[in-house]
Amino acid sequence: DGQQRLTSLLLVHKGKLVRNGKEREIKLYFNPIDEEFQLEN
């Protein structure tokens, strides 16, 4: 138990993962002034 959390953290650390031939990418941003998180937009 914990695969989704561990894979998510690895994805955030690397920005991109390739697993079983499938590429997954995340562009997550943080605003330290408001302490807010958003996906790229």
ModelCIF file with pLDDT and N, C-alpha, C, O atoms, coordinates in Angstrom:
data_MODEL
#
_entry.id   MODEL 
#
_entity.id                         1 
_entity.type                       polymer 
_entity.pdbx_number_of_molecules   1 
#
_entity_poly.entity_id                      1 
_entity_poly.type                           'polypeptide(L)' 
_entity_poly.nstd_linkage                   no 
_entity_poly.nstd_monomer                   no 
_entity_poly.pdbx_seq_one_letter_code       DGQQRLTSLLLVHKGKLVRNGKEREIKLYFNPIDEEFQLEN 
_entity_poly.pdbx_seq_one_letter_code_can   DGQQRLTSLLLVHKGKLVRNGKEREIKLYFNPIDEEFQLEN 
_entity_poly.pdbx_strand_id                 A 
#
loop_
_entity_poly_seq.entity_id 
_entity_poly_seq.num 
_entity_poly_seq.mon_id 
_entity_poly_seq.hetero 
1 1  ASP n 
1 2  GLY n 
1 3  GLN n 
1 4  GLN n 
1 5  ARG n 
1 6  LEU n 
1 7  THR n 
1 8  SER n 
1 9  LEU n 
1 10 LEU n 
1 11 LEU n 
1 12 VAL n 
1 13 HIS n 
1 14 LYS n 
1 15 GLY n 
1 16 LYS n 
1 17 LEU n 
1 18 VAL n 
1 19 ARG n 
1 20 ASN n 
1 21 GLY n 
1 22 LYS n 
1 23 GLU n 
1 24 ARG n 
1 25 GLU n 
1 26 ILE n 
1 27 LYS n 
1 28 LEU n 
1 29 TYR n 
1 30 PHE n 
1 31 ASN n 
1 32 PRO n 
1 33 ILE n 
1 34 ASP n 
1 35 GLU n 
1 36 GLU n 
1 37 PHE n 
1 38 GLN n 
1 39 LEU n 
1 40 GLU n 
1 41 ASN n 
#
_struct_asym.id          A 
_struct_asym.entity_id   1 
#
loop_
_ma_qa_metric.id 
_ma_qa_metric.mode 
_ma_qa_metric.name 
_ma_qa_metric.software_group_id 
_ma_qa_metric.type 
1 global pLDDT . pLDDT 
2 local  pLDDT . pLDDT 
#
_ma_qa_metric_global.metric_id      1 
_ma_qa_metric_global.metric_value   93.46 
_ma_qa_metric_global.model_id       1 
_ma_qa_metric_global.ordinal_id     1 
#
loop_
_ma_qa_metric_local.label_asym_id 
_ma_qa_metric_local.label_comp_id 
_ma_qa_metric_local.label_seq_id 
_ma_qa_metric_local.metric_id 
_ma_qa_metric_local.metric_value 
_ma_qa_metric_local.model_id 
_ma_qa_metric_local.ordinal_id 
A ASP 1  2 91.00 1 1  
A GLY 2  2 93.00 1 2  
A GLN 3  2 91.00 1 3  
A GLN 4  2 94.00 1 4  
A ARG 5  2 96.00 1 5  
A LEU 6  2 95.00 1 6  
A THR 7  2 94.00 1 7  
A SER 8  2 97.00 1 8  
A LEU 9  2 97.00 1 9  
A LEU 10 2 96.00 1 10 
A LEU 11 2 96.00 1 11 
A VAL 12 2 98.00 1 12 
A HIS 13 2 97.00 1 13 
A LYS 14 2 96.00 1 14 
A GLY 15 2 96.00 1 15 
A LYS 16 2 94.00 1 16 
A LEU 17 2 90.00 1 17 
A VAL 18 2 82.00 1 18 
A ARG 19 2 74.00 1 19 
A ASN 20 2 70.00 1 20 
A GLY 21 2 75.00 1 21 
A LYS 22 2 81.00 1 22 
A GLU 23 2 88.00 1 23 
A ARG 24 2 92.00 1 24 
A GLU 25 2 96.00 1 25 
A ILE 26 2 97.00 1 26 
A LYS 27 2 98.00 1 27 
A LEU 28 2 98.00 1 28 
A TYR 29 2 98.00 1 29 
A PHE 30 2 98.00 1 30 
A ASN 31 2 98.00 1 31 
A PRO 32 2 98.00 1 32 
A ILE 33 2 97.00 1 33 
A ASP 34 2 97.00 1 34 
A GLU 35 2 98.00 1 35 
A GLU 36 2 98.00 1 36 
A PHE 37 2 98.00 1 37 
A GLN 38 2 98.00 1 38 
A LEU 39 2 98.00 1 39 
A GLU 40 2 97.00 1 40 
A ASN 41 2 97.00 1 41 
#
loop_
_atom_site.group_PDB 
_atom_site.id 
_atom_site.type_symbol 
_atom_site.label_atom_id 
_atom_site.label_alt_id 
_atom_site.label_comp_id 
_atom_site.label_asym_id 
_atom_site.label_entity_id 
_atom_site.label_seq_id 
_atom_site.pdbx_PDB_ins_code 
_atom_site.Cartn_x 
_atom_site.Cartn_y 
_atom_site.Cartn_z 
_atom_site.occupancy 
_atom_site.B_iso_or_equiv 
_atom_site.pdbx_formal_charge 
_atom_site.auth_seq_id 
_atom_site.auth_comp_id 
_atom_site.auth_asym_id 
_atom_site.auth_atom_id 
_atom_site.pdbx_PDB_model_num 
ATOM 1   N N  . ASP A 1 1  ? 0.856  -1.191 0.000   1.00 91.00 ? 1  ASP A N  1 
ATOM 2   C CA . ASP A 1 1  ? 0.000  0.000  0.000   1.00 91.00 ? 1  ASP A CA 1 
ATOM 3   C C  . ASP A 1 1  ? 0.885  1.232  0.000   1.00 91.00 ? 1  ASP A C  1 
ATOM 4   O O  . ASP A 1 1  ? 1.791  1.359  0.825   1.00 91.00 ? 1  ASP A O  1 
ATOM 5   N N  . GLY A 1 2  ? 0.617  2.148  -0.938  1.00 93.00 ? 2  GLY A N  1 
ATOM 6   C CA . GLY A 1 2  ? 1.405  3.376  -1.026  1.00 93.00 ? 2  GLY A CA 1 
ATOM 7   C C  . GLY A 1 2  ? 1.979  3.619  -2.407  1.00 93.00 ? 2  GLY A C  1 
ATOM 8   O O  . GLY A 1 2  ? 2.724  4.577  -2.615  1.00 93.00 ? 2  GLY A O  1 
ATOM 9   N N  . GLN A 1 3  ? 1.631  2.744  -3.366  1.00 91.00 ? 3  GLN A N  1 
ATOM 10  C CA . GLN A 1 3  ? 2.191  2.920  -4.705  1.00 91.00 ? 3  GLN A CA 1 
ATOM 11  C C  . GLN A 1 3  ? 1.856  4.282  -5.313  1.00 91.00 ? 3  GLN A C  1 
ATOM 12  O O  . GLN A 1 3  ? 2.724  4.943  -5.884  1.00 91.00 ? 3  GLN A O  1 
ATOM 13  N N  . GLN A 1 4  ? 0.591  4.700  -5.186  1.00 94.00 ? 4  GLN A N  1 
ATOM 14  C CA . GLN A 1 4  ? 0.179  5.961  -5.802  1.00 94.00 ? 4  GLN A CA 1 
ATOM 15  C C  . GLN A 1 4  ? 0.940  7.138  -5.197  1.00 94.00 ? 4  GLN A C  1 
ATOM 16  O O  . GLN A 1 4  ? 1.349  8.053  -5.911  1.00 94.00 ? 4  GLN A O  1 
ATOM 17  N N  . ARG A 1 5  ? 1.127  7.110  -3.873  1.00 96.00 ? 5  ARG A N  1 
ATOM 18  C CA . ARG A 1 5  ? 1.844  8.198  -3.202  1.00 96.00 ? 5  ARG A CA 1 
ATOM 19  C C  . ARG A 1 5  ? 3.327  8.198  -3.563  1.00 96.00 ? 5  ARG A C  1 
ATOM 20  O O  . ARG A 1 5  ? 3.894  9.250  -3.857  1.00 96.00 ? 5  ARG A O  1 
ATOM 21  N N  . LEU A 1 6  ? 3.953  7.034  -3.541  1.00 95.00 ? 6  LEU A N  1 
ATOM 22  C CA . LEU A 1 6  ? 5.383  6.964  -3.857  1.00 95.00 ? 6  LEU A CA 1 
ATOM 23  C C  . LEU A 1 6  ? 5.650  7.325  -5.314  1.00 95.00 ? 6  LEU A C  1 
ATOM 24  O O  . LEU A 1 6  ? 6.604  8.043  -5.614  1.00 95.00 ? 6  LEU A O  1 
ATOM 25  N N  . THR A 1 7  ? 4.809  6.828  -6.218  1.00 94.00 ? 7  THR A N  1 
ATOM 26  C CA . THR A 1 7  ? 4.987  7.161  -7.636  1.00 94.00 ? 7  THR A CA 1 
ATOM 27  C C  . THR A 1 7  ? 4.759  8.652  -7.864  1.00 94.00 ? 7  THR A C  1 
ATOM 28  O O  . THR A 1 7  ? 5.462  9.273  -8.662  1.00 94.00 ? 7  THR A O  1 
ATOM 29  N N  . SER A 1 8  ? 3.783  9.225  -7.170  1.00 97.00 ? 8  SER A N  1 
ATOM 30  C CA . SER A 1 8  ? 3.508  10.665 -7.288  1.00 97.00 ? 8  SER A CA 1 
ATOM 31  C C  . SER A 1 8  ? 4.714  11.484 -6.854  1.00 97.00 ? 8  SER A C  1 
ATOM 32  O O  . SER A 1 8  ? 5.089  12.449 -7.518  1.00 97.00 ? 8  SER A O  1 
ATOM 33  N N  . LEU A 1 9  ? 5.321  11.094 -5.734  1.00 97.00 ? 9  LEU A N  1 
ATOM 34  C CA . LEU A 1 9  ? 6.478  11.837 -5.228  1.00 97.00 ? 9  LEU A CA 1 
ATOM 35  C C  . LEU A 1 9  ? 7.665  11.695 -6.168  1.00 97.00 ? 9  LEU A C  1 
ATOM 36  O O  . LEU A 1 9  ? 8.403  12.655 -6.387  1.00 97.00 ? 9  LEU A O  1 
ATOM 37  N N  . LEU A 1 10 ? 7.854  10.501 -6.723  1.00 96.00 ? 10 LEU A N  1 
ATOM 38  C CA . LEU A 1 10 ? 8.945  10.312 -7.692  1.00 96.00 ? 10 LEU A CA 1 
ATOM 39  C C  . LEU A 1 10 ? 8.690  11.157 -8.938  1.00 96.00 ? 10 LEU A C  1 
ATOM 40  O O  . LEU A 1 10 ? 9.621  11.744 -9.490  1.00 96.00 ? 10 LEU A O  1 
ATOM 41  N N  . LEU A 1 11 ? 7.437  11.223 -9.383  1.00 96.00 ? 11 LEU A N  1 
ATOM 42  C CA . LEU A 1 11 ? 7.083  12.042 -10.541 1.00 96.00 ? 11 LEU A CA 1 
ATOM 43  C C  . LEU A 1 11 ? 7.391  13.514 -10.282 1.00 96.00 ? 11 LEU A C  1 
ATOM 44  O O  . LEU A 1 11 ? 7.939  14.194 -11.149 1.00 96.00 ? 11 LEU A O  1 
ATOM 45  N N  . VAL A 1 12 ? 7.044  14.008 -9.102  1.00 98.00 ? 12 VAL A N  1 
ATOM 46  C CA . VAL A 1 12 ? 7.303  15.413 -8.774  1.00 98.00 ? 12 VAL A CA 1 
ATOM 47  C C  . VAL A 1 12 ? 8.804  15.672 -8.697  1.00 98.00 ? 12 VAL A C  1 
ATOM 48  O O  . VAL A 1 12 ? 9.273  16.715 -9.154  1.00 98.00 ? 12 VAL A O  1 
ATOM 49  N N  . HIS A 1 13 ? 9.560  14.743 -8.127  1.00 97.00 ? 13 HIS A N  1 
ATOM 50  C CA . HIS A 1 13 ? 11.010 14.915 -8.026  1.00 97.00 ? 13 HIS A CA 1 
ATOM 51  C C  . HIS A 1 13 ? 11.672 14.953 -9.397  1.00 97.00 ? 13 HIS A C  1 
ATOM 52  O O  . HIS A 1 13 ? 12.621 15.709 -9.603  1.00 97.00 ? 13 HIS A O  1 
ATOM 53  N N  . LYS A 1 14 ? 11.189 14.155 -10.325 1.00 96.00 ? 14 LYS A N  1 
ATOM 54  C CA . LYS A 1 14 ? 11.831 14.056 -11.638 1.00 96.00 ? 14 LYS A CA 1 
ATOM 55  C C  . LYS A 1 14 ? 11.144 14.912 -12.702 1.00 96.00 ? 14 LYS A C  1 
ATOM 56  O O  . LYS A 1 14 ? 11.774 15.285 -13.691 1.00 96.00 ? 14 LYS A O  1 
ATOM 57  N N  . GLY A 1 15 ? 9.869  15.224 -12.512 1.00 96.00 ? 15 GLY A N  1 
ATOM 58  C CA . GLY A 1 15 ? 9.122  16.012 -13.495 1.00 96.00 ? 15 GLY A CA 1 
ATOM 59  C C  . GLY A 1 15 ? 8.511  15.176 -14.596 1.00 96.00 ? 15 GLY A C  1 
ATOM 60  O O  . GLY A 1 15 ? 7.529  15.573 -15.223 1.00 96.00 ? 15 GLY A O  1 
ATOM 61  N N  . LYS A 1 16 ? 9.102  14.004 -14.831 1.00 94.00 ? 16 LYS A N  1 
ATOM 62  C CA . LYS A 1 16 ? 8.639  13.135 -15.919 1.00 94.00 ? 16 LYS A CA 1 
ATOM 63  C C  . LYS A 1 16 ? 9.046  11.699 -15.587 1.00 94.00 ? 16 LYS A C  1 
ATOM 64  O O  . LYS A 1 16 ? 10.139 11.456 -15.075 1.00 94.00 ? 16 LYS A O  1 
ATOM 65  N N  . LEU A 1 17 ? 8.159  10.759 -15.883 1.00 90.00 ? 17 LEU A N  1 
ATOM 66  C CA . LEU A 1 17 ? 8.456  9.338  -15.703 1.00 90.00 ? 17 LEU A CA 1 
ATOM 67  C C  . LEU A 1 17 ? 8.043  8.566  -16.941 1.00 90.00 ? 17 LEU A C  1 
ATOM 68  O O  . LEU A 1 17 ? 7.069  8.916  -17.607 1.00 90.00 ? 17 LEU A O  1 
ATOM 69  N N  . VAL A 1 18 ? 8.778  7.526  -17.242 1.00 82.00 ? 18 VAL A N  1 
ATOM 70  C CA . VAL A 1 18 ? 8.391  6.586  -18.298 1.00 82.00 ? 18 VAL A CA 1 
ATOM 71  C C  . VAL A 1 18 ? 8.228  5.225  -17.644 1.00 82.00 ? 18 VAL A C  1 
ATOM 72  O O  . VAL A 1 18 ? 9.166  4.690  -17.054 1.00 82.00 ? 18 VAL A O  1 
ATOM 73  N N  . ARG A 1 19 ? 7.035  4.676  -17.755 1.00 74.00 ? 19 ARG A N  1 
ATOM 74  C CA . ARG A 1 19 ? 6.755  3.379  -17.136 1.00 74.00 ? 19 ARG A CA 1 
ATOM 75  C C  . ARG A 1 19 ? 5.948  2.533  -18.098 1.00 74.00 ? 19 ARG A C  1 
ATOM 76  O O  . ARG A 1 19 ? 4.910  2.961  -18.603 1.00 74.00 ? 19 ARG A O  1 
ATOM 77  N N  . ASN A 1 20 ? 6.434  1.334  -18.345 1.00 70.00 ? 20 ASN A N  1 
ATOM 78  C CA . ASN A 1 20 ? 5.791  0.427  -19.307 1.00 70.00 ? 20 ASN A CA 1 
ATOM 79  C C  . ASN A 1 20 ? 5.574  1.114  -20.660 1.00 70.00 ? 20 ASN A C  1 
ATOM 80  O O  . ASN A 1 20 ? 4.554  0.915  -21.319 1.00 70.00 ? 20 ASN A O  1 
ATOM 81  N N  . GLY A 1 21 ? 6.555  1.923  -21.052 1.00 75.00 ? 21 GLY A N  1 
ATOM 82  C CA . GLY A 1 21 ? 6.490  2.603  -22.339 1.00 75.00 ? 21 GLY A CA 1 
ATOM 83  C C  . GLY A 1 21 ? 5.599  3.826  -22.368 1.00 75.00 ? 21 GLY A C  1 
ATOM 84  O O  . GLY A 1 21 ? 5.467  4.466  -23.411 1.00 75.00 ? 21 GLY A O  1 
ATOM 85  N N  . LYS A 1 22 ? 4.981  4.166  -21.241 1.00 81.00 ? 22 LYS A N  1 
ATOM 86  C CA . LYS A 1 22 ? 4.091  5.322  -21.182 1.00 81.00 ? 22 LYS A CA 1 
ATOM 87  C C  . LYS A 1 22 ? 4.782  6.463  -20.443 1.00 81.00 ? 22 LYS A C  1 
ATOM 88  O O  . LYS A 1 22 ? 5.352  6.269  -19.370 1.00 81.00 ? 22 LYS A O  1 
ATOM 89  N N  . GLU A 1 23 ? 4.721  7.651  -21.031 1.00 88.00 ? 23 GLU A N  1 
ATOM 90  C CA . GLU A 1 23 ? 5.351  8.822  -20.417 1.00 88.00 ? 23 GLU A CA 1 
ATOM 91  C C  . GLU A 1 23 ? 4.315  9.608  -19.621 1.00 88.00 ? 23 GLU A C  1 
ATOM 92  O O  . GLU A 1 23 ? 3.193  9.838  -20.074 1.00 88.00 ? 23 GLU A O  1 
ATOM 93  N N  . ARG A 1 24 ? 4.723  10.008 -18.432 1.00 92.00 ? 24 ARG A N  1 
ATOM 94  C CA . ARG A 1 24 ? 3.858  10.829 -17.586 1.00 92.00 ? 24 ARG A CA 1 
ATOM 95  C C  . ARG A 1 24 ? 4.650  12.047 -17.143 1.00 92.00 ? 24 ARG A C  1 
ATOM 96  O O  . ARG A 1 24 ? 5.794  11.930 -16.703 1.00 92.00 ? 24 ARG A O  1 
ATOM 97  N N  . GLU A 1 25 ? 4.038  13.211 -17.263 1.00 96.00 ? 25 GLU A N  1 
ATOM 98  C CA . GLU A 1 25 ? 4.723  14.454 -16.933 1.00 96.00 ? 25 GLU A CA 1 
ATOM 99  C C  . GLU A 1 25 ? 3.862  15.290 -16.005 1.00 96.00 ? 25 GLU A C  1 
ATOM 100 O O  . GLU A 1 25 ? 2.634  15.240 -16.067 1.00 96.00 ? 25 GLU A O  1 
ATOM 101 N N  . ILE A 1 26 ? 4.517  16.058 -15.143 1.00 97.00 ? 26 ILE A N  1 
ATOM 102 C CA . ILE A 1 26 ? 3.784  17.007 -14.311 1.00 97.00 ? 26 ILE A CA 1 
ATOM 103 C C  . ILE A 1 26 ? 4.568  18.314 -14.251 1.00 97.00 ? 26 ILE A C  1 
ATOM 104 O O  . ILE A 1 26 ? 5.793  18.318 -14.132 1.00 97.00 ? 26 ILE A O  1 
ATOM 105 N N  . LYS A 1 27 ? 3.833  19.425 -14.336 1.00 98.00 ? 27 LYS A N  1 
ATOM 106 C CA . LYS A 1 27 ? 4.402  20.754 -14.144 1.00 98.00 ? 27 LYS A CA 1 
ATOM 107 C C  . LYS A 1 27 ? 3.607  21.410 -13.029 1.00 98.00 ? 27 LYS A C  1 
ATOM 108 O O  . LYS A 1 27 ? 2.575  22.046 -13.246 1.00 98.00 ? 27 LYS A O  1 
ATOM 109 N N  . LEU A 1 28 ? 4.129  21.228 -11.833 1.00 98.00 ? 28 LEU A N  1 
ATOM 110 C CA . LEU A 1 28 ? 3.471  21.724 -10.633 1.00 98.00 ? 28 LEU A CA 1 
ATOM 111 C C  . LEU A 1 28 ? 4.201  22.966 -10.137 1.00 98.00 ? 28 LEU A C  1 
ATOM 112 O O  . LEU A 1 28 ? 5.430  22.988 -10.078 1.00 98.00 ? 28 LEU A O  1 
ATOM 113 N N  . TYR A 1 29 ? 3.441  23.998 -9.781  1.00 98.00 ? 29 TYR A N  1 
ATOM 114 C CA . TYR A 1 29 ? 4.039  25.273 -9.381  1.00 98.00 ? 29 TYR A CA 1 
ATOM 115 C C  . TYR A 1 29 ? 3.595  25.665 -7.967  1.00 98.00 ? 29 TYR A C  1 
ATOM 116 O O  . TYR A 1 29 ? 2.521  25.291 -7.495  1.00 98.00 ? 29 TYR A O  1 
ATOM 117 N N  . PHE A 1 30 ? 4.461  26.426 -7.324  1.00 98.00 ? 30 PHE A N  1 
ATOM 118 C CA . PHE A 1 30 ? 4.219  26.885 -5.952  1.00 98.00 ? 30 PHE A CA 1 
ATOM 119 C C  . PHE A 1 30 ? 4.436  28.380 -5.879  1.00 98.00 ? 30 PHE A C  1 
ATOM 120 O O  . PHE A 1 30 ? 5.435  28.906 -6.368  1.00 98.00 ? 30 PHE A O  1 
ATOM 121 N N  . ASN A 1 31 ? 3.470  29.065 -5.252  1.00 98.00 ? 31 ASN A N  1 
ATOM 122 C CA . ASN A 1 31 ? 3.574  30.502 -4.999  1.00 98.00 ? 31 ASN A CA 1 
ATOM 123 C C  . ASN A 1 31 ? 3.868  30.685 -3.511  1.00 98.00 ? 31 ASN A C  1 
ATOM 124 O O  . ASN A 1 31 ? 2.959  30.565 -2.690  1.00 98.00 ? 31 ASN A O  1 
ATOM 125 N N  . PRO A 1 32 ? 5.124  30.974 -3.146  1.00 98.00 ? 32 PRO A N  1 
ATOM 126 C CA . PRO A 1 32 ? 5.468  31.067 -1.731  1.00 98.00 ? 32 PRO A CA 1 
ATOM 127 C C  . PRO A 1 32 ? 4.854  32.272 -1.026  1.00 98.00 ? 32 PRO A C  1 
ATOM 128 O O  . PRO A 1 32 ? 4.729  32.270 0.199   1.00 98.00 ? 32 PRO A O  1 
ATOM 129 N N  . ILE A 1 33 ? 4.471  33.298 -1.778  1.00 97.00 ? 33 ILE A N  1 
ATOM 130 C CA . ILE A 1 33 ? 3.860  34.476 -1.149  1.00 97.00 ? 33 ILE A CA 1 
ATOM 131 C C  . ILE A 1 33 ? 2.500  34.100 -0.560  1.00 97.00 ? 33 ILE A C  1 
ATOM 132 O O  . ILE A 1 33 ? 2.200  34.407 0.594   1.00 97.00 ? 33 ILE A O  1 
ATOM 133 N N  . ASP A 1 34 ? 1.687  33.431 -1.375  1.00 97.00 ? 34 ASP A N  1 
ATOM 134 C CA . ASP A 1 34 ? 0.349  33.006 -0.927  1.00 97.00 ? 34 ASP A CA 1 
ATOM 135 C C  . ASP A 1 34 ? 0.335  31.564 -0.435  1.00 97.00 ? 34 ASP A C  1 
ATOM 136 O O  . ASP A 1 34 ? -0.695 31.072 0.026   1.00 97.00 ? 34 ASP A O  1 
ATOM 137 N N  . GLU A 1 35 ? 1.471  30.890 -0.532  1.00 98.00 ? 35 GLU A N  1 
ATOM 138 C CA . GLU A 1 35 ? 1.587  29.471 -0.163  1.00 98.00 ? 35 GLU A CA 1 
ATOM 139 C C  . GLU A 1 35 ? 0.511  28.635 -0.863  1.00 98.00 ? 35 GLU A C  1 
ATOM 140 O O  . GLU A 1 35 ? -0.243 27.891 -0.237  1.00 98.00 ? 35 GLU A O  1 
ATOM 141 N N  . GLU A 1 36 ? 0.475  28.790 -2.170  1.00 98.00 ? 36 GLU A N  1 
ATOM 142 C CA . GLU A 1 36 ? -0.542 28.153 -2.998  1.00 98.00 ? 36 GLU A CA 1 
ATOM 143 C C  . GLU A 1 36 ? 0.133  27.275 -4.049  1.00 98.00 ? 36 GLU A C  1 
ATOM 144 O O  . GLU A 1 36 ? 1.214  27.601 -4.538  1.00 98.00 ? 36 GLU A O  1 
ATOM 145 N N  . PHE A 1 37 ? -0.510 26.162 -4.391  1.00 98.00 ? 37 PHE A N  1 
ATOM 146 C CA . PHE A 1 37 ? -0.026 25.255 -5.427  1.00 98.00 ? 37 PHE A CA 1 
ATOM 147 C C  . PHE A 1 37 ? -1.001 25.253 -6.599  1.00 98.00 ? 37 PHE A C  1 
ATOM 148 O O  . PHE A 1 37 ? -2.217 25.268 -6.408  1.00 98.00 ? 37 PHE A O  1 
ATOM 149 N N  . GLN A 1 38 ? -0.456 25.232 -7.813  1.00 98.00 ? 38 GLN A N  1 
ATOM 150 C CA . GLN A 1 38 ? -1.281 25.091 -9.009  1.00 98.00 ? 38 GLN A CA 1 
ATOM 151 C C  . GLN A 1 38 ? -0.512 24.301 -10.058 1.00 98.00 ? 38 GLN A C  1 
ATOM 152 O O  . GLN A 1 38 ? 0.717  24.351 -10.122 1.00 98.00 ? 38 GLN A O  1 
ATOM 153 N N  . LEU A 1 39 ? -1.264 23.567 -10.880 1.00 98.00 ? 39 LEU A N  1 
ATOM 154 C CA . LEU A 1 39 ? -0.675 22.970 -12.069 1.00 98.00 ? 39 LEU A CA 1 
ATOM 155 C C  . LEU A 1 39 ? -0.499 24.075 -13.100 1.00 98.00 ? 39 LEU A C  1 
ATOM 156 O O  . LEU A 1 39 ? -1.212 25.078 -13.078 1.00 98.00 ? 39 LEU A O  1 
ATOM 157 N N  . GLU A 1 40 ? 0.453  23.885 -14.000 1.00 97.00 ? 40 GLU A N  1 
ATOM 158 C CA . GLU A 1 40 ? 0.753  24.927 -14.989 1.00 97.00 ? 40 GLU A CA 1 
ATOM 159 C C  . GLU A 1 40 ? -0.503 25.330 -15.748 1.00 97.00 ? 40 GLU A C  1 
ATOM 160 O O  . GLU A 1 40 ? -1.275 24.481 -16.193 1.00 97.00 ? 40 GLU A O  1 
ATOM 161 N N  . ASN A 1 41 ? -0.695 26.639 -15.891 1.00 97.00 ? 41 ASN A N  1 
ATOM 162 C CA . ASN A 1 41 ? -1.816 27.168 -16.662 1.00 97.00 ? 41 ASN A CA 1 
ATOM 163 C C  . ASN A 1 41 ? -1.442 28.577 -17.113 1.00 97.00 ? 41 ASN A C  1 
ATOM 164 O O  . ASN A 1 41 ? -2.233 29.239 -17.785 1.00 97.00 ? 41 ASN A O  1 
#
